[in-house]
Amino acid sequence: MSQVFSSFSAMTAVRGVFAILFGLVALAWPGITLTALVALFGAFVLVEGIAALTLAISNPQTLVPRWVLALEGVSGVAAAVVTFFFPGITSLALLYIIAVWALVTGSLLIGAAVAGPRFEPAWLMVLQGAISLIVGIALISAPGSGILAIVWALGLFAIFRGVSLLIASIRLGRGALRLNTSSSGRTSDAPVR
C-alpha cells in the first residue's frame, strides 16, 4: 500500500507542477495568439490525460476510483488530439472544446469527492470541481467573451488545480511515510493531514 501512495504522490505532484506552469504562462502572456493557446492547451490536457490514464491502468489499488481516472484521462487525451490535429481551429471551436473539458473534469472531481476514498479533502475536490464547472458554463454561456477571457479563466483555474494537486501530493507522501514507519515496527496513530 505504501508503494501505491508513493507512485500516486509522484504522479500527482507532476500533474500539479505542470498545471501551475500552464497557468503562469497563460497569465504572464495574456496577448497569446490563438495558435499558441491551442498548442499550450493541447500540451496541458495531454499531460493531464496521460497521467490520469497511467494511474488508472497501472495502479489496481488507486485512491480515486479507476473509472474516474480513466474518464478524466480519456477526456484530456481526446481534447489534446482535437487541438493538435486541427491547429487552425477557430477561437469559438476552441472555446467549446475547453468548456466541454472543464465540464467533464468538474463533474468527475465532484463525483470522486462523493464516491469514496480520496487523496485530498472532499471539500477541496468539490471546490475544484465547482470552479471547473463554473468555467465551463461561463465559456458556453458567453462565447463572445474573447480569447483574453479564455486565457485568464484557464490560467487561474490551472494554478488553483495545480496547487490543489500539490497539496494532495504532500498528503499522499505523508501517508506513504507513515505506512513505511508503521511497517518497520513503529506505529503511528496520527491521521494523514
C-alpha atoms as a PDB file:
ATOM      1  CA  MET A   1       0.000   0.000   0.000  1.00  0.00           C
ATOM      2  CA  SER A   2       2.881   2.369   0.668  1.00  0.00           C
ATOM      3  CA  GLN A   3       4.002   1.860  -2.956  1.00  0.00           C
ATOM      4  CA  VAL A   4       0.526   2.955  -4.133  1.00  0.00           C
ATOM      5  CA  PHE A   5       0.798   6.122  -2.028  1.00  0.00           C
ATOM      6  CA  SER A   6       4.321   6.843  -3.293  1.00  0.00           C
ATOM      7  CA  SER A   7       3.589   6.403  -7.018  1.00  0.00           C
ATOM      8  CA  PHE A   8       0.281   8.261  -6.777  1.00  0.00           C
ATOM      9  CA  SER A   9       2.033  11.053  -4.868  1.00  0.00           C
ATOM     10  CA  ALA A  10       4.751  11.455  -7.508  1.00  0.00           C
ATOM     11  CA  MET A  11       2.309  11.464 -10.443  1.00  0.00           C
ATOM     12  CA  THR A  12       0.029  13.899  -8.630  1.00  0.00           C
ATOM     13  CA  ALA A  13       2.976  16.239  -7.990  1.00  0.00           C
ATOM     14  CA  VAL A  14       3.945  16.149 -11.682  1.00  0.00           C
ATOM     15  CA  ARG A  15       0.373  16.991 -12.681  1.00  0.00           C
ATOM     16  CA  GLY A  16       0.299  19.827 -10.129  1.00  0.00           C
ATOM     17  CA  VAL A  17       3.570  21.370 -11.279  1.00  0.00           C
ATOM     18  CA  PHE A  18       2.540  21.159 -14.939  1.00  0.00           C
ATOM     19  CA  ALA A  19      -0.843  22.761 -14.176  1.00  0.00           C
ATOM     20  CA  ILE A  20       0.808  25.645 -12.285  1.00  0.00           C
ATOM     21  CA  LEU A  21       3.314  26.199 -15.105  1.00  0.00           C
ATOM     22  CA  PHE A  22       0.500  26.234 -17.659  1.00  0.00           C
ATOM     23  CA  GLY A  23      -1.452  28.733 -15.555  1.00  0.00           C
ATOM     24  CA  LEU A  24       1.549  31.019 -15.044  1.00  0.00           C
ATOM     25  CA  VAL A  25       2.406  31.017 -18.753  1.00  0.00           C
ATOM     26  CA  ALA A  26      -1.214  31.773 -19.643  1.00  0.00           C
ATOM     27  CA  LEU A  27      -1.393  34.692 -17.177  1.00  0.00           C
ATOM     28  CA  ALA A  28       2.066  36.069 -17.980  1.00  0.00           C
ATOM     29  CA  TRP A  29       1.342  36.043 -21.711  1.00  0.00           C
ATOM     30  CA  PRO A  30      -2.219  37.424 -21.948  1.00  0.00           C
ATOM     31  CA  GLY A  31      -1.790  38.577 -25.564  1.00  0.00           C
ATOM     32  CA  ILE A  32      -1.194  34.984 -26.602  1.00  0.00           C
ATOM     33  CA  THR A  33      -2.103  34.130 -30.187  1.00  0.00           C
ATOM     34  CA  LEU A  34      -4.754  31.563 -30.929  1.00  0.00           C
ATOM     35  CA  THR A  35      -2.177  29.149 -32.368  1.00  0.00           C
ATOM     36  CA  ALA A  36      -0.038  29.392 -29.228  1.00  0.00           C
ATOM     37  CA  LEU A  37      -3.087  28.955 -26.990  1.00  0.00           C
ATOM     38  CA  VAL A  38      -4.164  25.860 -28.920  1.00  0.00           C
ATOM     39  CA  ALA A  39      -0.672  24.340 -28.565  1.00  0.00           C
ATOM     40  CA  LEU A  40      -0.411  25.283 -24.881  1.00  0.00           C
ATOM     41  CA  PHE A  41      -3.862  23.936 -24.042  1.00  0.00           C
ATOM     42  CA  GLY A  42      -3.220  20.765 -26.068  1.00  0.00           C
ATOM     43  CA  ALA A  43       0.024  20.080 -24.203  1.00  0.00           C
ATOM     44  CA  PHE A  44      -1.645  20.742 -20.830  1.00  0.00           C
ATOM     45  CA  VAL A  45      -4.604  18.397 -21.355  1.00  0.00           C
ATOM     46  CA  LEU A  46      -2.395  15.748 -22.978  1.00  0.00           C
ATOM     47  CA  VAL A  47      -0.141  15.559 -19.896  1.00  0.00           C
ATOM     48  CA  GLU A  48      -3.198  15.583 -17.616  1.00  0.00           C
ATOM     49  CA  GLY A  49      -4.877  12.864 -19.660  1.00  0.00           C
ATOM     50  CA  ILE A  50      -1.848  10.596 -19.923  1.00  0.00           C
ATOM     51  CA  ALA A  51      -1.117  10.943 -16.203  1.00  0.00           C
ATOM     52  CA  ALA A  52      -4.708  10.077 -15.278  1.00  0.00           C
ATOM     53  CA  LEU A  53      -4.786   7.096 -17.675  1.00  0.00           C
ATOM     54  CA  THR A  54      -1.434   5.866 -16.360  1.00  0.00           C
ATOM     55  CA  LEU A  55      -2.731   5.974 -12.802  1.00  0.00           C
ATOM     56  CA  ALA A  56      -5.961   4.223 -13.789  1.00  0.00           C
ATOM     57  CA  ILE A  57      -4.150   1.428 -15.631  1.00  0.00           C
ATOM     58  CA  SER A  58      -1.032   0.896 -13.540  1.00  0.00           C
ATOM     59  CA  ASN A  59      -2.409   1.039 -10.008  1.00  0.00           C
ATOM     60  CA  PRO A  60      -5.044  -1.559  -9.192  1.00  0.00           C
ATOM     61  CA  GLN A  61      -5.440  -0.018  -5.714  1.00  0.00           C
ATOM     62  CA  THR A  62      -5.863   3.652  -6.565  1.00  0.00           C
ATOM     63  CA  LEU A  63      -7.145   6.142  -4.056  1.00  0.00           C
ATOM     64  CA  VAL A  64      -9.565   7.554  -6.608  1.00  0.00           C
ATOM     65  CA  PRO A  65     -11.991   5.235  -8.417  1.00  0.00           C
ATOM     66  CA  ARG A  66     -10.261   3.891 -11.534  1.00  0.00           C
ATOM     67  CA  TRP A  67     -13.229   4.769 -13.739  1.00  0.00           C
ATOM     68  CA  VAL A  68     -12.942   8.424 -12.681  1.00  0.00           C
ATOM     69  CA  LEU A  69      -9.241   8.493 -13.575  1.00  0.00           C
ATOM     70  CA  ALA A  70      -9.910   6.676 -16.857  1.00  0.00           C
ATOM     71  CA  LEU A  71     -12.686   9.080 -17.898  1.00  0.00           C
ATOM     72  CA  GLU A  72     -10.588  12.079 -16.916  1.00  0.00           C
ATOM     73  CA  GLY A  73      -7.678  10.667 -18.898  1.00  0.00           C
ATOM     74  CA  VAL A  74      -9.754   9.908 -21.993  1.00  0.00           C
ATOM     75  CA  SER A  75     -11.323  13.389 -21.959  1.00  0.00           C
ATOM     76  CA  GLY A  76      -7.892  15.018 -21.670  1.00  0.00           C
ATOM     77  CA  VAL A  77      -6.331  12.949 -24.446  1.00  0.00           C
ATOM     78  CA  ALA A  78      -9.391  13.477 -26.677  1.00  0.00           C
ATOM     79  CA  ALA A  79      -9.238  17.248 -26.176  1.00  0.00           C
ATOM     80  CA  ALA A  80      -5.496  17.197 -26.948  1.00  0.00           C
ATOM     81  CA  VAL A  81      -5.995  15.136 -30.100  1.00  0.00           C
ATOM     82  CA  VAL A  82      -8.617  17.575 -31.392  1.00  0.00           C
ATOM     83  CA  THR A  83      -6.422  20.599 -30.670  1.00  0.00           C
ATOM     84  CA  PHE A  84      -3.306  19.047 -32.244  1.00  0.00           C
ATOM     85  CA  PHE A  85      -4.978  17.592 -35.332  1.00  0.00           C
ATOM     86  CA  PHE A  86      -6.911  20.781 -36.039  1.00  0.00           C
ATOM     87  CA  PRO A  87      -4.362  23.538 -35.330  1.00  0.00           C
ATOM     88  CA  GLY A  88      -6.292  26.029 -37.451  1.00  0.00           C
ATOM     89  CA  ILE A  89      -9.229  25.703 -35.100  1.00  0.00           C
ATOM     90  CA  THR A  90     -11.327  28.824 -34.630  1.00  0.00           C
ATOM     91  CA  SER A  91     -11.473  30.541 -31.287  1.00  0.00           C
ATOM     92  CA  LEU A  92     -15.157  29.603 -30.924  1.00  0.00           C
ATOM     93  CA  ALA A  93     -14.439  25.916 -31.543  1.00  0.00           C
ATOM     94  CA  LEU A  94     -11.521  26.037 -29.074  1.00  0.00           C
ATOM     95  CA  LEU A  95     -13.779  27.711 -26.536  1.00  0.00           C
ATOM     96  CA  TYR A  96     -16.284  24.863 -26.787  1.00  0.00           C
ATOM     97  CA  ILE A  97     -13.570  22.197 -26.530  1.00  0.00           C
ATOM     98  CA  ILE A  98     -12.220  23.867 -23.388  1.00  0.00           C
ATOM     99  CA  ALA A  99     -15.740  24.281 -21.981  1.00  0.00           C
ATOM    100  CA  VAL A 100     -16.632  20.609 -22.508  1.00  0.00           C
ATOM    101  CA  TRP A 101     -13.318  19.504 -20.991  1.00  0.00           C
ATOM    102  CA  ALA A 102     -13.921  21.783 -17.961  1.00  0.00           C
ATOM    103  CA  LEU A 103     -17.459  20.424 -17.517  1.00  0.00           C
ATOM    104  CA  VAL A 104     -16.318  16.781 -17.713  1.00  0.00           C
ATOM    105  CA  THR A 105     -13.379  17.373 -15.362  1.00  0.00           C
ATOM    106  CA  GLY A 106     -15.523  19.288 -12.872  1.00  0.00           C
ATOM    107  CA  SER A 107     -18.213  16.611 -12.840  1.00  0.00           C
ATOM    108  CA  LEU A 108     -15.638  13.872 -12.327  1.00  0.00           C
ATOM    109  CA  LEU A 109     -13.935  15.733  -9.478  1.00  0.00           C
ATOM    110  CA  ILE A 110     -17.233  16.215  -7.668  1.00  0.00           C
ATOM    111  CA  GLY A 111     -18.159  12.584  -8.350  1.00  0.00           C
ATOM    112  CA  ALA A 112     -14.813  11.380  -6.984  1.00  0.00           C
ATOM    113  CA  ALA A 113     -15.216  13.503  -3.850  1.00  0.00           C
ATOM    114  CA  VAL A 114     -18.601  11.940  -3.169  1.00  0.00           C
ATOM    115  CA  ALA A 115     -17.895   8.388  -4.435  1.00  0.00           C
ATOM    116  CA  GLY A 116     -15.362   7.128  -1.992  1.00  0.00           C
ATOM    117  CA  PRO A 117     -11.812   7.242  -0.695  1.00  0.00           C
ATOM    118  CA  ARG A 118      -9.853  10.255  -1.795  1.00  0.00           C
ATOM    119  CA  PHE A 119      -6.347  11.593  -1.580  1.00  0.00           C
ATOM    120  CA  GLU A 120      -7.319  15.138  -0.716  1.00  0.00           C
ATOM    121  CA  PRO A 121     -10.068  16.678   1.414  1.00  0.00           C
ATOM    122  CA  ALA A 122     -13.530  16.265  -0.104  1.00  0.00           C
ATOM    123  CA  TRP A 123     -14.250  19.986   0.177  1.00  0.00           C
ATOM    124  CA  LEU A 124     -11.147  20.801  -1.888  1.00  0.00           C
ATOM    125  CA  MET A 125     -12.138  18.337  -4.622  1.00  0.00           C
ATOM    126  CA  VAL A 126     -15.695  19.709  -4.645  1.00  0.00           C
ATOM    127  CA  LEU A 127     -14.321  23.270  -4.841  1.00  0.00           C
ATOM    128  CA  GLN A 128     -12.041  22.316  -7.762  1.00  0.00           C
ATOM    129  CA  GLY A 129     -14.964  20.631  -9.478  1.00  0.00           C
ATOM    130  CA  ALA A 130     -17.272  23.586  -8.879  1.00  0.00           C
ATOM    131  CA  ILE A 131     -14.721  26.043 -10.262  1.00  0.00           C
ATOM    132  CA  SER A 132     -14.216  23.821 -13.293  1.00  0.00           C
ATOM    133  CA  LEU A 133     -17.983  23.634 -13.851  1.00  0.00           C
ATOM    134  CA  ILE A 134     -18.321  27.410 -13.476  1.00  0.00           C
ATOM    135  CA  VAL A 135     -15.538  27.965 -16.024  1.00  0.00           C
ATOM    136  CA  GLY A 136     -17.210  25.545 -18.455  1.00  0.00           C
ATOM    137  CA  ILE A 137     -20.671  27.062 -18.010  1.00  0.00           C
ATOM    138  CA  ALA A 138     -19.309  30.617 -18.294  1.00  0.00           C
ATOM    139  CA  LEU A 139     -17.490  29.792 -21.527  1.00  0.00           C
ATOM    140  CA  ILE A 140     -20.584  28.195 -23.061  1.00  0.00           C
ATOM    141  CA  SER A 141     -22.977  30.902 -21.897  1.00  0.00           C
ATOM    142  CA  ALA A 142     -20.785  33.812 -23.033  1.00  0.00           C
ATOM    143  CA  PRO A 143     -18.855  32.535 -26.070  1.00  0.00           C
ATOM    144  CA  GLY A 144     -18.202  36.062 -27.325  1.00  0.00           C
ATOM    145  CA  SER A 145     -16.159  36.959 -24.257  1.00  0.00           C
ATOM    146  CA  GLY A 146     -12.998  36.736 -26.284  1.00  0.00           C
ATOM    147  CA  ILE A 147      -9.720  34.920 -26.260  1.00  0.00           C
ATOM    148  CA  LEU A 148      -8.305  37.036 -23.420  1.00  0.00           C
ATOM    149  CA  ALA A 149     -11.105  35.942 -21.089  1.00  0.00           C
ATOM    150  CA  ILE A 150     -10.432  32.318 -22.044  1.00  0.00           C
ATOM    151  CA  VAL A 151      -6.733  32.713 -21.281  1.00  0.00           C
ATOM    152  CA  TRP A 152      -7.377  34.332 -17.882  1.00  0.00           C
ATOM    153  CA  ALA A 153     -10.015  31.770 -16.888  1.00  0.00           C
ATOM    154  CA  LEU A 154      -7.792  28.866 -17.903  1.00  0.00           C
ATOM    155  CA  GLY A 155      -4.731  30.357 -16.234  1.00  0.00           C
ATOM    156  CA  LEU A 156      -6.447  30.928 -12.899  1.00  0.00           C
ATOM    157  CA  PHE A 157      -8.140  27.530 -12.957  1.00  0.00           C
ATOM    158  CA  ALA A 158      -4.876  25.758 -13.814  1.00  0.00           C
ATOM    159  CA  ILE A 159      -2.991  27.447 -10.967  1.00  0.00           C
ATOM    160  CA  PHE A 160      -5.728  26.565  -8.469  1.00  0.00           C
ATOM    161  CA  ARG A 161      -5.827  22.975  -9.733  1.00  0.00           C
ATOM    162  CA  GLY A 162      -2.040  22.713  -9.604  1.00  0.00           C
ATOM    163  CA  VAL A 163      -1.862  23.970  -6.026  1.00  0.00           C
ATOM    164  CA  SER A 164      -4.632  21.531  -5.042  1.00  0.00           C
ATOM    165  CA  LEU A 165      -2.766  18.653  -6.676  1.00  0.00           C
ATOM    166  CA  LEU A 166       0.464  19.605  -4.888  1.00  0.00           C
ATOM    167  CA  ILE A 167      -1.388  19.669  -1.551  1.00  0.00           C
ATOM    168  CA  ALA A 168      -2.767  16.223  -2.349  1.00  0.00           C
ATOM    169  CA  SER A 169       0.718  15.001  -3.284  1.00  0.00           C
ATOM    170  CA  ILE A 170       2.138  16.163   0.052  1.00  0.00           C
ATOM    171  CA  ARG A 171      -0.679  14.393   1.911  1.00  0.00           C
ATOM    172  CA  LEU A 172      -0.015  11.213  -0.055  1.00  0.00           C
ATOM    173  CA  GLY A 173       3.706  11.441   0.675  1.00  0.00           C
ATOM    174  CA  ARG A 174       2.967  11.736   4.387  1.00  0.00           C
ATOM    175  CA  GLY A 175       0.672   8.717   4.140  1.00  0.00           C
ATOM    176  CA  ALA A 176       3.417   6.677   2.453  1.00  0.00           C
ATOM    177  CA  LEU A 177       5.912   7.744   5.125  1.00  0.00           C
ATOM    178  CA  ARG A 178       3.522   6.722   7.902  1.00  0.00           C
ATOM    179  CA  LEU A 179       2.893   3.360   6.250  1.00  0.00           C
ATOM    180  CA  ASN A 180       6.640   2.747   5.904  1.00  0.00           C
ATOM    181  CA  THR A 181       7.188   3.770   9.524  1.00  0.00           C
ATOM    182  CA  SER A 182       4.431   1.504  10.818  1.00  0.00           C
ATOM    183  CA  SER A 183       5.601  -1.443   8.689  1.00  0.00           C
ATOM    184  CA  SER A 184       9.121  -1.137  10.107  1.00  0.00           C
ATOM    185  CA  GLY A 185       7.870  -1.877  13.613  1.00  0.00           C
ATOM    186  CA  ARG A 186       6.849   1.559  14.815  1.00  0.00           C
ATOM    187  CA  THR A 187       3.203   2.508  14.880  1.00  0.00           C
ATOM    188  CA  SER A 188       1.630   5.818  14.220  1.00  0.00           C
ATOM    189  CA  ASP A 189      -1.912   6.588  15.288  1.00  0.00           C
ATOM    190  CA  ALA A 190      -1.919  10.083  13.823  1.00  0.00           C
ATOM    191  CA  PRO A 191      -4.169  10.558  10.794  1.00  0.00           C
ATOM    192  CA  VAL A 192      -2.727  11.744   7.498  1.00  0.00           C
ATOM    193  CA  ARG A 193      -3.176  15.518   7.246  1.00  0.00           C
END
